[in-house]
């Protein structure tokens, strides 16, 4: 199964590198979720520690990939700088309005 939506021979090297990074990011995020669920459901403290270590390594991989994307894409750099490591509301929109969950009745 290909990770490309267009014929690979039509893609430049940068586009292929971006696809590699984004596909690794997707797989690492899925792994984090899997390990986290297994940590939560395991009855063995030793196994929980091993699985938590694996999960945390995947988190590191995600961070490294995000940094690569930031360094290699002006669009990623702009959005990451806009939304990460700030105190503004997470769901802030450019119009200043923010999505709010409905109150439960």
PDB file of N, CA and C in Angstrom:
ATOM      1  N   UNK A   1       0.851  -1.186   0.000  1.00  0.00           N
ATOM      2  CA  UNK A   1       0.000   0.000   0.000  1.00  0.00           C
ATOM      3  C   UNK A   1       0.891   1.243   0.000  1.00  0.00           C
ATOM      4  N   UNK A   2       0.586   2.169  -0.863  1.00  0.00           N
ATOM      5  CA  UNK A   2       1.377   3.384  -1.013  1.00  0.00           C
ATOM      6  C   UNK A   2       0.897   4.457  -0.042  1.00  0.00           C
ATOM      7  N   UNK A   3       1.841   5.281   0.406  1.00  0.00           N
ATOM      8  CA  UNK A   3       1.507   6.430   1.246  1.00  0.00           C
ATOM      9  C   UNK A   3       1.352   7.690   0.422  1.00  0.00           C
ATOM     10  N   UNK A   4       1.282   7.544  -0.873  1.00  0.00           N
ATOM     11  CA  UNK A   4       1.179   8.696  -1.767  1.00  0.00           C
ATOM     12  C   UNK A   4      -0.195   8.736  -2.415  1.00  0.00           C
ATOM     13  N   UNK A   5      -0.678   9.944  -2.634  1.00  0.00           N
ATOM     14  CA  UNK A   5      -1.968  10.138  -3.295  1.00  0.00           C
ATOM     15  C   UNK A   5      -1.793  10.409  -4.779  1.00  0.00           C
ATOM     16  N   UNK A   6      -0.595  10.782  -5.160  1.00  0.00           N
ATOM     17  CA  UNK A   6      -0.269  11.065  -6.557  1.00  0.00           C
ATOM     18  C   UNK A   6       0.859  10.123  -6.975  1.00  0.00           C
ATOM     19  N   UNK A   7       1.047   9.940  -8.281  1.00  0.00           N
ATOM     20  CA  UNK A   7       2.150   9.079  -8.722  1.00  0.00           C
ATOM     21  C   UNK A   7       3.479   9.578  -8.151  1.00  0.00           C
ATOM     22  N   UNK A   8       4.208   8.675  -7.508  1.00  0.00           N
ATOM     23  CA  UNK A   8       5.429   9.049  -6.808  1.00  0.00           C
ATOM     24  C   UNK A   8       6.464   9.667  -7.744  1.00  0.00           C
ATOM     25  N   UNK A   9       6.465   9.250  -8.984  1.00  0.00           N
ATOM     26  CA  UNK A   9       7.441   9.804  -9.933  1.00  0.00           C
ATOM     27  C   UNK A   9       7.158  11.270 -10.272  1.00  0.00           C
ATOM     28  N   UNK A  10       5.961  11.755  -9.927  1.00  0.00           N
ATOM     29  CA  UNK A  10       5.630  13.165 -10.166  1.00  0.00           C
ATOM     30  C   UNK A  10       5.975  14.052  -8.951  1.00  0.00           C
ATOM     31  N   UNK A  11       6.431  13.450  -7.868  1.00  0.00           N
ATOM     32  CA  UNK A  11       6.688  14.203  -6.642  1.00  0.00           C
ATOM     33  C   UNK A  11       8.170  14.524  -6.507  1.00  0.00           C
ATOM     34  N   UNK A  12       8.454  15.737  -6.021  1.00  0.00           N
ATOM     35  CA  UNK A  12       9.852  16.097  -5.779  1.00  0.00           C
ATOM     36  C   UNK A  12      10.309  15.505  -4.445  1.00  0.00           C
ATOM     37  N   UNK A  13      11.600  15.595  -4.177  1.00  0.00           N
ATOM     38  CA  UNK A  13      12.171  14.979  -2.977  1.00  0.00           C
ATOM     39  C   UNK A  13      11.628  15.598  -1.689  1.00  0.00           C
ATOM     40  N   UNK A  14      11.410  16.915  -1.691  1.00  0.00           N
ATOM     41  CA  UNK A  14      10.873  17.554  -0.498  1.00  0.00           C
ATOM     42  C   UNK A  14       9.474  17.040  -0.187  1.00  0.00           C
ATOM     43  N   UNK A  15       8.636  16.901  -1.198  1.00  0.00           N
ATOM     44  CA  UNK A  15       7.279  16.393  -0.996  1.00  0.00           C
ATOM     45  C   UNK A  15       7.315  14.969  -0.476  1.00  0.00           C
ATOM     46  N   UNK A  16       8.239  14.168  -0.979  1.00  0.00           N
ATOM     47  CA  UNK A  16       8.376  12.800  -0.472  1.00  0.00           C
ATOM     48  C   UNK A  16       8.861  12.802   0.981  1.00  0.00           C
ATOM     49  N   UNK A  17       9.777  13.705   1.323  1.00  0.00           N
ATOM     50  CA  UNK A  17      10.218  13.804   2.714  1.00  0.00           C
ATOM     51  C   UNK A  17       9.077  14.242   3.625  1.00  0.00           C
ATOM     52  N   UNK A  18       8.273  15.185   3.160  1.00  0.00           N
ATOM     53  CA  UNK A  18       7.112  15.615   3.956  1.00  0.00           C
ATOM     54  C   UNK A  18       6.157  14.440   4.172  1.00  0.00           C
ATOM     55  N   UNK A  19       5.921  13.661   3.132  1.00  0.00           N
ATOM     56  CA  UNK A  19       5.044  12.495   3.264  1.00  0.00           C
ATOM     57  C   UNK A  19       5.626  11.505   4.270  1.00  0.00           C
ATOM     58  N   UNK A  20       6.937  11.298   4.225  1.00  0.00           N
ATOM     59  CA  UNK A  20       7.575  10.404   5.189  1.00  0.00           C
ATOM     60  C   UNK A  20       7.360  10.904   6.611  1.00  0.00           C
ATOM     61  N   UNK A  21       7.595  12.185   6.815  1.00  0.00           N
ATOM     62  CA  UNK A  21       7.441  12.760   8.156  1.00  0.00           C
ATOM     63  C   UNK A  21       5.995  12.664   8.634  1.00  0.00           C
ATOM     64  N   UNK A  22       5.053  13.016   7.777  1.00  0.00           N
ATOM     65  CA  UNK A  22       3.648  13.000   8.174  1.00  0.00           C
ATOM     66  C   UNK A  22       3.151  11.583   8.440  1.00  0.00           C
ATOM     67  N   UNK A  23       3.612  10.629   7.649  1.00  0.00           N
ATOM     68  CA  UNK A  23       3.215   9.242   7.881  1.00  0.00           C
ATOM     69  C   UNK A  23       3.820   8.702   9.169  1.00  0.00           C
ATOM     70  N   UNK A  24       5.059   9.066   9.458  1.00  0.00           N
ATOM     71  CA  UNK A  24       5.663   8.674  10.738  1.00  0.00           C
ATOM     72  C   UNK A  24       4.902   9.307  11.893  1.00  0.00           C
ATOM     73  N   UNK A  25       4.519  10.558  11.737  1.00  0.00           N
ATOM     74  CA  UNK A  25       3.759  11.242  12.770  1.00  0.00           C
ATOM     75  C   UNK A  25       2.440  10.515  13.046  1.00  0.00           C
ATOM     76  N   UNK A  26       1.729  10.143  11.984  1.00  0.00           N
ATOM     77  CA  UNK A  26       0.460   9.420  12.154  1.00  0.00           C
ATOM     78  C   UNK A  26       0.675   8.103  12.889  1.00  0.00           C
ATOM     79  N   UNK A  27       1.672   7.344  12.477  1.00  0.00           N
ATOM     80  CA  UNK A  27       1.923   6.045  13.094  1.00  0.00           C
ATOM     81  C   UNK A  27       2.361   6.188  14.550  1.00  0.00           C
ATOM     82  N   UNK A  28       3.183   7.187  14.839  1.00  0.00           N
ATOM     83  CA  UNK A  28       3.612   7.401  16.220  1.00  0.00           C
ATOM     84  C   UNK A  28       2.446   7.826  17.105  1.00  0.00           C
ATOM     85  N   UNK A  29       1.559   8.670  16.595  1.00  0.00           N
ATOM     86  CA  UNK A  29       0.386   9.069  17.371  1.00  0.00           C
ATOM     87  C   UNK A  29      -0.521   7.871  17.661  1.00  0.00           C
ATOM     88  N   UNK A  30      -0.707   7.006  16.676  1.00  0.00           N
ATOM     89  CA  UNK A  30      -1.495   5.795  16.895  1.00  0.00           C
ATOM     90  C   UNK A  30      -0.830   4.906  17.943  1.00  0.00           C
ATOM     91  N   UNK A  31       0.490   4.811  17.906  1.00  0.00           N
ATOM     92  CA  UNK A  31       1.216   3.996  18.876  1.00  0.00           C
ATOM     93  C   UNK A  31       1.070   4.557  20.285  1.00  0.00           C
ATOM     94  N   UNK A  32       1.118   5.879  20.413  1.00  0.00           N
ATOM     95  CA  UNK A  32       0.945   6.507  21.723  1.00  0.00           C
ATOM     96  C   UNK A  32      -0.408   6.129  22.306  1.00  0.00           C
ATOM     97  N   UNK A  33      -1.443   6.203  21.498  1.00  0.00           N
ATOM     98  CA  UNK A  33      -2.785   5.848  21.946  1.00  0.00           C
ATOM     99  C   UNK A  33      -2.831   4.376  22.369  1.00  0.00           C
ATOM    100  N   UNK A  34      -2.255   3.495  21.555  1.00  0.00           N
ATOM    101  CA  UNK A  34      -2.253   2.066  21.851  1.00  0.00           C
ATOM    102  C   UNK A  34      -1.534   1.790  23.173  1.00  0.00           C
ATOM    103  N   UNK A  35      -0.308   2.326  23.316  1.00  0.00           N
ATOM    104  CA  UNK A  35       0.443   2.094  24.548  1.00  0.00           C
ATOM    105  C   UNK A  35      -0.280   2.674  25.755  1.00  0.00           C
ATOM    106  N   UNK A  36      -0.864   3.846  25.608  1.00  0.00           N
ATOM    107  CA  UNK A  36      -1.570   4.469  26.723  1.00  0.00           C
ATOM    108  C   UNK A  36      -2.740   3.608  27.190  1.00  0.00           C
ATOM    109  N   UNK A  37      -3.490   3.062  26.240  1.00  0.00           N
ATOM    110  CA  UNK A  37      -4.607   2.188  26.599  1.00  0.00           C
ATOM    111  C   UNK A  37      -4.111   0.924  27.283  1.00  0.00           C
ATOM    112  N   UNK A  38      -2.991   0.395  26.816  1.00  0.00           N
ATOM    113  CA  UNK A  38      -2.452  -0.824  27.425  1.00  0.00           C
ATOM    114  C   UNK A  38      -1.908  -0.553  28.826  1.00  0.00           C
ATOM    115  N   UNK A  39      -1.303   0.620  29.031  1.00  0.00           N
ATOM    116  CA  UNK A  39      -0.861   0.985  30.383  1.00  0.00           C
ATOM    117  C   UNK A  39      -2.071   1.023  31.309  1.00  0.00           C
ATOM    118  N   UNK A  40      -3.132   1.629  30.841  1.00  0.00           N
ATOM    119  CA  UNK A  40      -4.338   1.781  31.646  1.00  0.00           C
ATOM    120  C   UNK A  40      -4.970   0.427  31.983  1.00  0.00           C
ATOM    121  N   UNK A  41      -4.945  -0.509  31.071  1.00  0.00           N
ATOM    122  CA  UNK A  41      -5.678  -1.761  31.270  1.00  0.00           C
ATOM    123  C   UNK A  41      -4.849  -2.895  31.855  1.00  0.00           C
ATOM    124  N   UNK A  42      -3.544  -2.767  31.891  1.00  0.00           N
ATOM    125  CA  UNK A  42      -2.706  -3.857  32.402  1.00  0.00           C
ATOM    126  C   UNK A  42      -2.823  -3.979  33.923  1.00  0.00           C
ATOM    127  N   UNK A  43      -2.763  -5.205  34.402  1.00  0.00           N
ATOM    128  CA  UNK A  43      -2.785  -5.463  35.835  1.00  0.00           C
ATOM    129  C   UNK A  43      -1.382  -5.612  36.415  1.00  0.00           C
ATOM    130  N   UNK A  44      -0.387  -5.666  35.566  1.00  0.00           N
ATOM    131  CA  UNK A  44       0.993  -5.848  36.003  1.00  0.00           C
ATOM    132  C   UNK A  44       1.702  -4.498  36.076  1.00  0.00           C
ATOM    133  N   UNK A  45       2.191  -4.146  37.249  1.00  0.00           N
ATOM    134  CA  UNK A  45       2.914  -2.874  37.404  1.00  0.00           C
ATOM    135  C   UNK A  45       4.197  -2.868  36.576  1.00  0.00           C
ATOM    136  N   UNK A  46       4.865  -4.022  36.493  1.00  0.00           N
ATOM    137  CA  UNK A  46       6.082  -4.100  35.678  1.00  0.00           C
ATOM    138  C   UNK A  46       5.776  -3.866  34.207  1.00  0.00           C
ATOM    139  N   UNK A  47       4.721  -4.494  33.717  1.00  0.00           N
ATOM    140  CA  UNK A  47       4.345  -4.302  32.317  1.00  0.00           C
ATOM    141  C   UNK A  47       3.897  -2.867  32.077  1.00  0.00           C
ATOM    142  N   UNK A  48       3.158  -2.287  33.014  1.00  0.00           N
ATOM    143  CA  UNK A  48       2.747  -0.880  32.880  1.00  0.00           C
ATOM    144  C   UNK A  48       3.970   0.018  32.712  1.00  0.00           C
ATOM    145  N   UNK A  49       5.023  -0.246  33.476  1.00  0.00           N
ATOM    146  CA  UNK A  49       6.233   0.579  33.390  1.00  0.00           C
ATOM    147  C   UNK A  49       6.895   0.437  32.028  1.00  0.00           C
ATOM    148  N   UNK A  50       6.957  -0.785  31.514  1.00  0.00           N
ATOM    149  CA  UNK A  50       7.549  -1.015  30.188  1.00  0.00           C
ATOM    150  C   UNK A  50       6.726  -0.307  29.121  1.00  0.00           C
ATOM    151  N   UNK A  51       5.419  -0.489  29.167  1.00  0.00           N
ATOM    152  CA  UNK A  51       4.541   0.128  28.165  1.00  0.00           C
ATOM    153  C   UNK A  51       4.564   1.648  28.256  1.00  0.00           C
ATOM    154  N   UNK A  52       4.620   2.189  29.458  1.00  0.00           N
ATOM    155  CA  UNK A  52       4.694   3.648  29.628  1.00  0.00           C
ATOM    156  C   UNK A  52       6.003   4.181  29.044  1.00  0.00           C
ATOM    157  N   UNK A  53       7.087   3.443  29.228  1.00  0.00           N
ATOM    158  CA  UNK A  53       8.365   3.840  28.636  1.00  0.00           C
ATOM    159  C   UNK A  53       8.269   3.851  27.109  1.00  0.00           C
ATOM    160  N   UNK A  54       7.653   2.822  26.540  1.00  0.00           N
ATOM    161  CA  UNK A  54       7.472   2.771  25.080  1.00  0.00           C
ATOM    162  C   UNK A  54       6.623   3.942  24.597  1.00  0.00           C
ATOM    163  N   UNK A  55       5.544   4.231  25.329  1.00  0.00           N
ATOM    164  CA  UNK A  55       4.674   5.362  24.975  1.00  0.00           C
ATOM    165  C   UNK A  55       5.456   6.674  24.997  1.00  0.00           C
ATOM    166  N   UNK A  56       6.252   6.849  26.044  1.00  0.00           N
ATOM    167  CA  UNK A  56       6.997   8.096  26.184  1.00  0.00           C
ATOM    168  C   UNK A  56       8.058   8.255  25.098  1.00  0.00           C
ATOM    169  N   UNK A  57       8.644   7.156  24.654  1.00  0.00           N
ATOM    170  CA  UNK A  57       9.582   7.211  23.515  1.00  0.00           C
ATOM    171  C   UNK A  57       8.867   7.673  22.255  1.00  0.00           C
ATOM    172  N   UNK A  58       7.638   7.194  22.048  1.00  0.00           N
ATOM    173  CA  UNK A  58       6.856   7.618  20.879  1.00  0.00           C
ATOM    174  C   UNK A  58       6.509   9.098  20.970  1.00  0.00           C
ATOM    175  N   UNK A  59       6.240   9.594  22.182  1.00  0.00           N
ATOM    176  CA  UNK A  59       5.975  11.024  22.351  1.00  0.00           C
ATOM    177  C   UNK A  59       7.203  11.822  21.929  1.00  0.00           C
ATOM    178  N   UNK A  60       8.369  11.350  22.320  1.00  0.00           N
ATOM    179  CA  UNK A  60       9.616  12.004  21.904  1.00  0.00           C
ATOM    180  C   UNK A  60       9.728  12.015  20.384  1.00  0.00           C
ATOM    181  N   UNK A  61       9.398  10.902  19.741  1.00  0.00           N
ATOM    182  CA  UNK A  61       9.467  10.830  18.278  1.00  0.00           C
ATOM    183  C   UNK A  61       8.520  11.837  17.634  1.00  0.00           C
ATOM    184  N   UNK A  62       7.325  11.982  18.188  1.00  0.00           N
ATOM    185  CA  UNK A  62       6.365  12.969  17.669  1.00  0.00           C
ATOM    186  C   UNK A  62       6.956  14.369  17.776  1.00  0.00           C
ATOM    187  N   UNK A  63       7.550  14.680  18.918  1.00  0.00           N
ATOM    188  CA  UNK A  63       8.135  16.011  19.111  1.00  0.00           C
ATOM    189  C   UNK A  63       9.275  16.262  18.125  1.00  0.00           C
ATOM    190  N   UNK A  64      10.116  15.266  17.915  1.00  0.00           N
ATOM    191  CA  UNK A  64      11.212  15.413  16.960  1.00  0.00           C
ATOM    192  C   UNK A  64      10.684  15.644  15.546  1.00  0.00           C
ATOM    193  N   UNK A  65       9.649  14.917  15.180  1.00  0.00           N
ATOM    194  CA  UNK A  65       9.066  15.075  13.841  1.00  0.00           C
ATOM    195  C   UNK A  65       8.417  16.442  13.690  1.00  0.00           C
ATOM    196  N   UNK A  66       7.714  16.897  14.723  1.00  0.00           N
ATOM    197  CA  UNK A  66       7.129  18.242  14.670  1.00  0.00           C
ATOM    198  C   UNK A  66       8.208  19.304  14.508  1.00  0.00           C
ATOM    199  N   UNK A  67       9.324  19.114  15.185  1.00  0.00           N
ATOM    200  CA  UNK A  67      10.416  20.080  15.051  1.00  0.00           C
ATOM    201  C   UNK A  67      10.988  20.047  13.639  1.00  0.00           C
ATOM    202  N   UNK A  68      11.103  18.864  13.046  1.00  0.00           N
ATOM    203  CA  UNK A  68      11.574  18.782  11.659  1.00  0.00           C
ATOM    204  C   UNK A  68      10.604  19.525  10.736  1.00  0.00           C
ATOM    205  N   UNK A  69       9.306  19.308  10.947  1.00  0.00           N
ATOM    206  CA  UNK A  69       8.305  19.997  10.127  1.00  0.00           C
ATOM    207  C   UNK A  69       8.414  21.512  10.305  1.00  0.00           C
ATOM    208  N   UNK A  70       8.611  21.966  11.537  1.00  0.00           N
ATOM    209  CA  UNK A  70       8.743  23.404  11.797  1.00  0.00           C
ATOM    210  C   UNK A  70       9.950  23.985  11.077  1.00  0.00           C
ATOM    211  N   UNK A  71      11.057  23.279  11.116  1.00  0.00           N
ATOM    212  CA  UNK A  71      12.285  23.785  10.496  1.00  0.00           C
ATOM    213  C   UNK A  71      12.249  23.751   8.976  1.00  0.00           C
ATOM    214  N   UNK A  72      11.383  22.916   8.418  1.00  0.00           N
ATOM    215  CA  UNK A  72      11.395  22.719   6.973  1.00  0.00           C
ATOM    216  C   UNK A  72      10.165  23.233   6.250  1.00  0.00           C
ATOM    217  N   UNK A  73       9.234  23.839   6.974  1.00  0.00           N
ATOM    218  CA  UNK A  73       8.018  24.356   6.347  1.00  0.00           C
ATOM    219  C   UNK A  73       7.607  25.659   7.013  1.00  0.00           C
ATOM    220  N   UNK A  74       7.552  26.716   6.228  1.00  0.00           N
ATOM    221  CA  UNK A  74       7.119  28.013   6.770  1.00  0.00           C
ATOM    222  C   UNK A  74       5.699  27.940   7.306  1.00  0.00           C
ATOM    223  N   UNK A  75       4.830  27.155   6.655  1.00  0.00           N
ATOM    224  CA  UNK A  75       3.447  27.037   7.096  1.00  0.00           C
ATOM    225  C   UNK A  75       3.373  26.353   8.461  1.00  0.00           C
ATOM    226  N   UNK A  76       4.116  25.256   8.618  1.00  0.00           N
ATOM    227  CA  UNK A  76       4.150  24.565   9.913  1.00  0.00           C
ATOM    228  C   UNK A  76       4.748  25.482  10.977  1.00  0.00           C
ATOM    229  N   UNK A  77       5.822  26.181  10.640  1.00  0.00           N
ATOM    230  CA  UNK A  77       6.456  27.074  11.603  1.00  0.00           C
ATOM    231  C   UNK A  77       5.470  28.135  12.094  1.00  0.00           C
ATOM    232  N   UNK A  78       4.752  28.738  11.172  1.00  0.00           N
ATOM    233  CA  UNK A  78       3.789  29.784  11.525  1.00  0.00           C
ATOM    234  C   UNK A  78       2.718  29.244  12.471  1.00  0.00           C
ATOM    235  N   UNK A  79       2.132  28.124  12.134  1.00  0.00           N
ATOM    236  CA  UNK A  79       1.034  27.592  12.944  1.00  0.00           C
ATOM    237  C   UNK A  79       1.523  27.071  14.295  1.00  0.00           C
ATOM    238  N   UNK A  80       2.674  26.413  14.314  1.00  0.00           N
ATOM    239  CA  UNK A  80       3.198  25.925  15.587  1.00  0.00           C
ATOM    240  C   UNK A  80       3.535  27.087  16.519  1.00  0.00           C
ATOM    241  N   UNK A  81       4.144  28.130  15.980  1.00  0.00           N
ATOM    242  CA  UNK A  81       4.463  29.300  16.806  1.00  0.00           C
ATOM    243  C   UNK A  81       3.194  29.995  17.284  1.00  0.00           C
ATOM    244  N   UNK A  82       2.153  29.951  16.485  1.00  0.00           N
ATOM    245  CA  UNK A  82       0.903  30.615  16.838  1.00  0.00           C
ATOM    246  C   UNK A  82       0.159  29.885  17.958  1.00  0.00           C
ATOM    247  N   UNK A  83       0.238  28.553  17.982  1.00  0.00           N
ATOM    248  CA  UNK A  83      -0.603  27.784  18.893  1.00  0.00           C
ATOM    249  C   UNK A  83       0.125  27.089  20.039  1.00  0.00           C
ATOM    250  N   UNK A  84       1.424  26.851  19.911  1.00  0.00           N
ATOM    251  CA  UNK A  84       2.129  26.131  20.974  1.00  0.00           C
ATOM    252  C   UNK A  84       2.793  27.090  21.953  1.00  0.00           C
ATOM    253  N   UNK A  85       2.855  26.662  23.194  1.00  0.00           N
ATOM    254  CA  UNK A  85       3.578  27.377  24.253  1.00  0.00           C
ATOM    255  C   UNK A  85       3.072  28.799  24.473  1.00  0.00           C
ATOM    256  N   UNK A  86       1.756  28.964  24.379  1.00  0.00           N
ATOM    257  CA  UNK A  86       1.124  30.248  24.679  1.00  0.00           C
ATOM    258  C   UNK A  86       0.103  30.026  25.787  1.00  0.00           C
ATOM    259  N   UNK A  87      -0.427  31.100  26.301  1.00  0.00           N
ATOM    260  CA  UNK A  87      -1.467  31.012  27.333  1.00  0.00           C
ATOM    261  C   UNK A  87      -2.847  31.324  26.754  1.00  0.00           C
ATOM    262  N   UNK A  88      -2.914  31.562  25.453  1.00  0.00           N
ATOM    263  CA  UNK A  88      -4.205  31.878  24.839  1.00  0.00           C
ATOM    264  C   UNK A  88      -5.089  30.621  24.826  1.00  0.00           C
ATOM    265  N   UNK A  89      -6.401  30.793  24.729  1.00  0.00           N
ATOM    266  CA  UNK A  89      -7.283  29.624  24.664  1.00  0.00           C
ATOM    267  C   UNK A  89      -6.886  28.716  23.495  1.00  0.00           C
ATOM    268  N   UNK A  90      -6.907  27.425  23.728  1.00  0.00           N
ATOM    269  CA  UNK A  90      -6.469  26.474  22.710  1.00  0.00           C
ATOM    270  C   UNK A  90      -7.314  26.581  21.448  1.00  0.00           C
ATOM    271  N   UNK A  91      -8.610  26.733  21.607  1.00  0.00           N
ATOM    272  CA  UNK A  91      -9.508  26.744  20.453  1.00  0.00           C
ATOM    273  C   UNK A  91      -9.733  28.141  19.891  1.00  0.00           C
ATOM    274  N   UNK A  92      -8.827  29.051  20.157  1.00  0.00           N
ATOM    275  CA  UNK A  92      -8.947  30.422  19.640  1.00  0.00           C
ATOM    276  C   UNK A  92      -9.005  30.389  18.111  1.00  0.00           C
ATOM    277  N   UNK A  93      -9.888  31.161  17.564  1.00  0.00           N
ATOM    278  CA  UNK A  93      -9.931  31.284  16.109  1.00  0.00           C
ATOM    279  C   UNK A  93      -9.385  32.647  15.718  1.00  0.00           C
ATOM    280  N   UNK A  94      -9.079  32.803  14.453  1.00  0.00           N
ATOM    281  CA  UNK A  94      -8.527  34.072  13.977  1.00  0.00           C
ATOM    282  C   UNK A  94      -9.506  35.222  14.164  1.00  0.00           C
ATOM    283  N   UNK A  95     -10.812  34.920  14.204  1.00  0.00           N
ATOM    284  CA  UNK A  95     -11.813  35.960  14.400  1.00  0.00           C
ATOM    285  C   UNK A  95     -12.019  36.330  15.854  1.00  0.00           C
ATOM    286  N   UNK A  96     -11.298  35.683  16.748  1.00  0.00           N
ATOM    287  CA  UNK A  96     -11.413  35.992  18.155  1.00  0.00           C
ATOM    288  C   UNK A  96     -12.524  35.218  18.855  1.00  0.00           C
ATOM    289  N   UNK A  97     -13.330  34.483  18.096  1.00  0.00           N
ATOM    290  CA  UNK A  97     -14.380  33.686  18.709  1.00  0.00           C
ATOM    291  C   UNK A  97     -13.827  32.294  18.982  1.00  0.00           C
ATOM    292  N   UNK A  98     -14.403  31.671  19.945  1.00  0.00           N
ATOM    293  CA  UNK A  98     -13.906  30.384  20.373  1.00  0.00           C
ATOM    294  C   UNK A  98     -15.076  29.415  20.476  1.00  0.00           C
ATOM    295  N   UNK A  99     -14.886  28.186  20.048  1.00  0.00           N
ATOM    296  CA  UNK A  99     -15.908  27.166  20.218  1.00  0.00           C
ATOM    297  C   UNK A  99     -16.048  26.853  21.689  1.00  0.00           C
ATOM    298  N   UNK A 100     -17.261  26.775  22.144  1.00  0.00           N
ATOM    299  CA  UNK A 100     -17.514  26.413  23.533  1.00  0.00           C
ATOM    300  C   UNK A 100     -18.434  25.195  23.567  1.00  0.00           C
ATOM    301  N   UNK A 101     -18.125  24.234  24.427  1.00  0.00           N
ATOM    302  CA  UNK A 101     -19.026  23.067  24.537  1.00  0.00           C
ATOM    303  C   UNK A 101     -20.377  23.488  25.086  1.00  0.00           C
ATOM    304  N   UNK A 102     -21.399  22.790  24.674  1.00  0.00           N
ATOM    305  CA  UNK A 102     -22.738  23.065  25.204  1.00  0.00           C
ATOM    306  C   UNK A 102     -22.792  22.638  26.664  1.00  0.00           C
ATOM    307  N   UNK A 103     -23.555  23.375  27.434  1.00  0.00           N
ATOM    308  CA  UNK A 103     -23.760  22.985  28.819  1.00  0.00           C
ATOM    309  C   UNK A 103     -24.680  21.758  28.852  1.00  0.00           C
ATOM    310  N   UNK A 104     -24.346  20.828  29.721  1.00  0.00           N
ATOM    311  CA  UNK A 104     -25.159  19.642  29.883  1.00  0.00           C
ATOM    312  C   UNK A 104     -26.410  19.987  30.688  1.00  0.00           C
ATOM    313  N   UNK A 105     -27.551  19.499  30.241  1.00  0.00           N
ATOM    314  CA  UNK A 105     -28.808  19.754  30.985  1.00  0.00           C
ATOM    315  C   UNK A 105     -28.913  18.895  32.207  1.00  0.00           C
TER     316      UNK A 105
END
